[in-house]
Amino acid sequence: MSYLKYKGYLGTIEPDLETGELFGKLAFIRDLITYEAETLKALEKAFQESVDGYLESCAELGKSPDQPFKGTFNVRISPELHRKAVLASSNSLNAFVSDAIQEKLMRLGA
């Protein structure tokens, strides 16, 4: 999937097959921020305006804006896999998991 990118935020690009218009939302955050336009160029502009408006609104409210990819996430695995990973990790499960993800991404060419 392709995303619009601006100020560390990613936005989706989706067509409305009935109207032929485009729409999207900020991806990977909890707050719902949407935008729409008739062309891809206009959608990109609407996306950027939505990001700017979101950041301004958060500042006015004294609220920290949601940030995508904070660097933390929960992973649910079996207790046995958890045990094996901890034992193999040499006391740093975070580093072990980070290395495993990095290794997998390199194999995928990402």
C-alpha atoms as a PDB file:
ATOM      1  CA  MET A   1       0.000   0.000   0.000  1.00  0.00           C
ATOM      2  CA  SER A   2       1.201   3.496  -0.784  1.00  0.00           C
ATOM      3  CA  TYR A   3       0.899   6.267   1.780  1.00  0.00           C
ATOM      4  CA  LEU A   4       1.046  10.031   1.695  1.00  0.00           C
ATOM      5  CA  LYS A   5       3.853  11.297   3.976  1.00  0.00           C
ATOM      6  CA  TYR A   6       4.118  14.610   5.822  1.00  0.00           C
ATOM      7  CA  LYS A   7       5.667  15.702   9.142  1.00  0.00           C
ATOM      8  CA  GLY A   8       6.109  12.110  10.290  1.00  0.00           C
ATOM      9  CA  TYR A   9       2.494  11.178   9.553  1.00  0.00           C
ATOM     10  CA  LEU A  10       1.224   8.694   6.990  1.00  0.00           C
ATOM     11  CA  GLY A  11      -2.099   9.011   5.215  1.00  0.00           C
ATOM     12  CA  THR A  12      -4.145   6.486   3.303  1.00  0.00           C
ATOM     13  CA  ILE A  13      -5.302   6.917  -0.287  1.00  0.00           C
ATOM     14  CA  GLU A  14      -8.647   5.308  -1.095  1.00  0.00           C
ATOM     15  CA  PRO A  15     -11.105   5.717  -3.972  1.00  0.00           C
ATOM     16  CA  ASP A  16     -14.854   6.074  -3.626  1.00  0.00           C
ATOM     17  CA  LEU A  17     -15.913   3.864  -6.523  1.00  0.00           C
ATOM     18  CA  GLU A  18     -19.392   5.379  -6.675  1.00  0.00           C
ATOM     19  CA  THR A  19     -18.385   9.056  -6.872  1.00  0.00           C
ATOM     20  CA  GLY A  20     -14.886   8.717  -8.323  1.00  0.00           C
ATOM     21  CA  GLU A  21     -13.489  10.898  -5.536  1.00  0.00           C
ATOM     22  CA  LEU A  22     -10.557  10.107  -3.287  1.00  0.00           C
ATOM     23  CA  PHE A  23     -10.460  10.077   0.487  1.00  0.00           C
ATOM     24  CA  GLY A  24      -8.145   9.012   3.276  1.00  0.00           C
ATOM     25  CA  LYS A  25      -7.273   9.202   6.938  1.00  0.00           C
ATOM     26  CA  LEU A  26      -4.172   9.540   9.052  1.00  0.00           C
ATOM     27  CA  ALA A  27      -2.864   6.031   9.554  1.00  0.00           C
ATOM     28  CA  PHE A  28      -1.478   4.387  12.678  1.00  0.00           C
ATOM     29  CA  ILE A  29      -2.858   6.881  15.208  1.00  0.00           C
ATOM     30  CA  ARG A  30      -5.892   6.653  17.503  1.00  0.00           C
ATOM     31  CA  ASP A  31      -7.416  10.038  16.635  1.00  0.00           C
ATOM     32  CA  LEU A  32      -9.608  10.014  13.526  1.00  0.00           C
ATOM     33  CA  ILE A  33      -8.425  12.640  11.021  1.00  0.00           C
ATOM     34  CA  THR A  34      -9.870  12.405   7.492  1.00  0.00           C
ATOM     35  CA  TYR A  35      -9.551  14.273   4.206  1.00  0.00           C
ATOM     36  CA  GLU A  36     -10.982  14.065   0.689  1.00  0.00           C
ATOM     37  CA  ALA A  37     -10.444  15.500  -2.782  1.00  0.00           C
ATOM     38  CA  GLU A  38     -11.129  14.874  -6.450  1.00  0.00           C
ATOM     39  CA  THR A  39      -7.522  14.412  -7.640  1.00  0.00           C
ATOM     40  CA  LEU A  40      -4.422  12.833  -6.179  1.00  0.00           C
ATOM     41  CA  LYS A  41      -2.617  16.183  -6.107  1.00  0.00           C
ATOM     42  CA  ALA A  42      -5.551  17.800  -4.299  1.00  0.00           C
ATOM     43  CA  LEU A  43      -5.733  14.824  -1.911  1.00  0.00           C
ATOM     44  CA  GLU A  44      -2.089  15.312  -0.983  1.00  0.00           C
ATOM     45  CA  LYS A  45      -2.765  18.984  -0.250  1.00  0.00           C
ATOM     46  CA  ALA A  46      -5.866  18.102   1.813  1.00  0.00           C
ATOM     47  CA  PHE A  47      -3.800  15.523   3.718  1.00  0.00           C
ATOM     48  CA  GLN A  48      -1.126  18.106   4.548  1.00  0.00           C
ATOM     49  CA  GLU A  49      -3.773  20.625   5.610  1.00  0.00           C
ATOM     50  CA  SER A  50      -5.359  17.957   7.824  1.00  0.00           C
ATOM     51  CA  VAL A  51      -2.028  17.207   9.498  1.00  0.00           C
ATOM     52  CA  ASP A  52      -1.360  20.917  10.069  1.00  0.00           C
ATOM     53  CA  GLY A  53      -4.893  21.444  11.372  1.00  0.00           C
ATOM     54  CA  TYR A  54      -4.594  18.444  13.681  1.00  0.00           C
ATOM     55  CA  LEU A  55      -1.309  19.700  15.127  1.00  0.00           C
ATOM     56  CA  GLU A  56      -2.701  23.222  15.580  1.00  0.00           C
ATOM     57  CA  SER A  57      -5.852  21.887  17.245  1.00  0.00           C
ATOM     58  CA  CYS A  58      -3.816  19.745  19.641  1.00  0.00           C
ATOM     59  CA  ALA A  59      -1.641  22.748  20.531  1.00  0.00           C
ATOM     60  CA  GLU A  60      -4.718  24.905  21.199  1.00  0.00           C
ATOM     61  CA  LEU A  61      -6.190  22.204  23.437  1.00  0.00           C
ATOM     62  CA  GLY A  62      -2.897  21.594  25.237  1.00  0.00           C
ATOM     63  CA  LYS A  63      -3.045  17.971  24.086  1.00  0.00           C
ATOM     64  CA  SER A  64      -0.107  15.927  22.853  1.00  0.00           C
ATOM     65  CA  PRO A  65      -0.860  14.782  19.303  1.00  0.00           C
ATOM     66  CA  ASP A  66      -0.842  11.066  18.630  1.00  0.00           C
ATOM     67  CA  GLN A  67       2.367   9.933  16.998  1.00  0.00           C
ATOM     68  CA  PRO A  68       2.572   6.907  14.733  1.00  0.00           C
ATOM     69  CA  PHE A  69       5.289   4.385  15.472  1.00  0.00           C
ATOM     70  CA  LYS A  70       6.240   5.320  19.022  1.00  0.00           C
ATOM     71  CA  GLY A  71       8.724   2.445  19.145  1.00  0.00           C
ATOM     72  CA  THR A  72       6.707   0.297  21.510  1.00  0.00           C
ATOM     73  CA  PHE A  73       4.186  -2.422  20.772  1.00  0.00           C
ATOM     74  CA  ASN A  74       2.687  -5.492  22.418  1.00  0.00           C
ATOM     75  CA  VAL A  75       3.346  -8.890  20.938  1.00  0.00           C
ATOM     76  CA  ARG A  76       1.290 -11.929  21.838  1.00  0.00           C
ATOM     77  CA  ILE A  77       3.146 -15.210  21.542  1.00  0.00           C
ATOM     78  CA  SER A  78       2.924 -18.589  23.184  1.00  0.00           C
ATOM     79  CA  PRO A  79       4.428 -18.965  26.663  1.00  0.00           C
ATOM     80  CA  GLU A  80       6.923 -21.501  25.273  1.00  0.00           C
ATOM     81  CA  LEU A  81       8.147 -19.136  22.545  1.00  0.00           C
ATOM     82  CA  HIS A  82       8.343 -16.346  25.135  1.00  0.00           C
ATOM     83  CA  ARG A  83      10.479 -18.539  27.399  1.00  0.00           C
ATOM     84  CA  LYS A  84      12.805 -19.546  24.551  1.00  0.00           C
ATOM     85  CA  ALA A  85      13.227 -15.941  23.418  1.00  0.00           C
ATOM     86  CA  VAL A  86      14.050 -14.717  26.928  1.00  0.00           C
ATOM     87  CA  LEU A  87      16.610 -17.494  27.416  1.00  0.00           C
ATOM     88  CA  ALA A  88      18.190 -16.809  24.019  1.00  0.00           C
ATOM     89  CA  SER A  89      18.198 -13.045  24.505  1.00  0.00           C
ATOM     90  CA  SER A  90      20.999 -12.741  27.065  1.00  0.00           C
ATOM     91  CA  ASN A  91      18.839 -10.561  29.358  1.00  0.00           C
ATOM     92  CA  SER A  92      17.599  -8.071  26.740  1.00  0.00           C
ATOM     93  CA  LEU A  93      14.415  -9.278  25.119  1.00  0.00           C
ATOM     94  CA  ASN A  94      13.903  -5.835  23.526  1.00  0.00           C
ATOM     95  CA  ALA A  95      17.272  -6.020  21.745  1.00  0.00           C
ATOM     96  CA  PHE A  96      16.634  -9.637  20.765  1.00  0.00           C
ATOM     97  CA  VAL A  97      13.250  -8.827  19.196  1.00  0.00           C
ATOM     98  CA  SER A  98      14.624  -5.690  17.545  1.00  0.00           C
ATOM     99  CA  ASP A  99      17.478  -7.689  15.999  1.00  0.00           C
ATOM    100  CA  ALA A 100      15.050 -10.388  14.823  1.00  0.00           C
ATOM    101  CA  ILE A 101      12.810  -7.811  13.137  1.00  0.00           C
ATOM    102  CA  GLN A 102      15.820  -6.108  11.541  1.00  0.00           C
ATOM    103  CA  GLU A 103      17.110  -9.434  10.238  1.00  0.00           C
ATOM    104  CA  LYS A 104      13.708 -10.356   8.772  1.00  0.00           C
ATOM    105  CA  LEU A 105      13.350  -6.945   7.093  1.00  0.00           C
ATOM    106  CA  MET A 106      16.822  -7.282   5.537  1.00  0.00           C
ATOM    107  CA  ARG A 107      15.835 -10.690   4.127  1.00  0.00           C
ATOM    108  CA  LEU A 108      12.679  -9.120   2.683  1.00  0.00           C
ATOM    109  CA  GLY A 109      14.680  -6.254   1.200  1.00  0.00           C
ATOM    110  CA  ALA A 110      12.641  -3.682   3.127  1.00  0.00           C
END
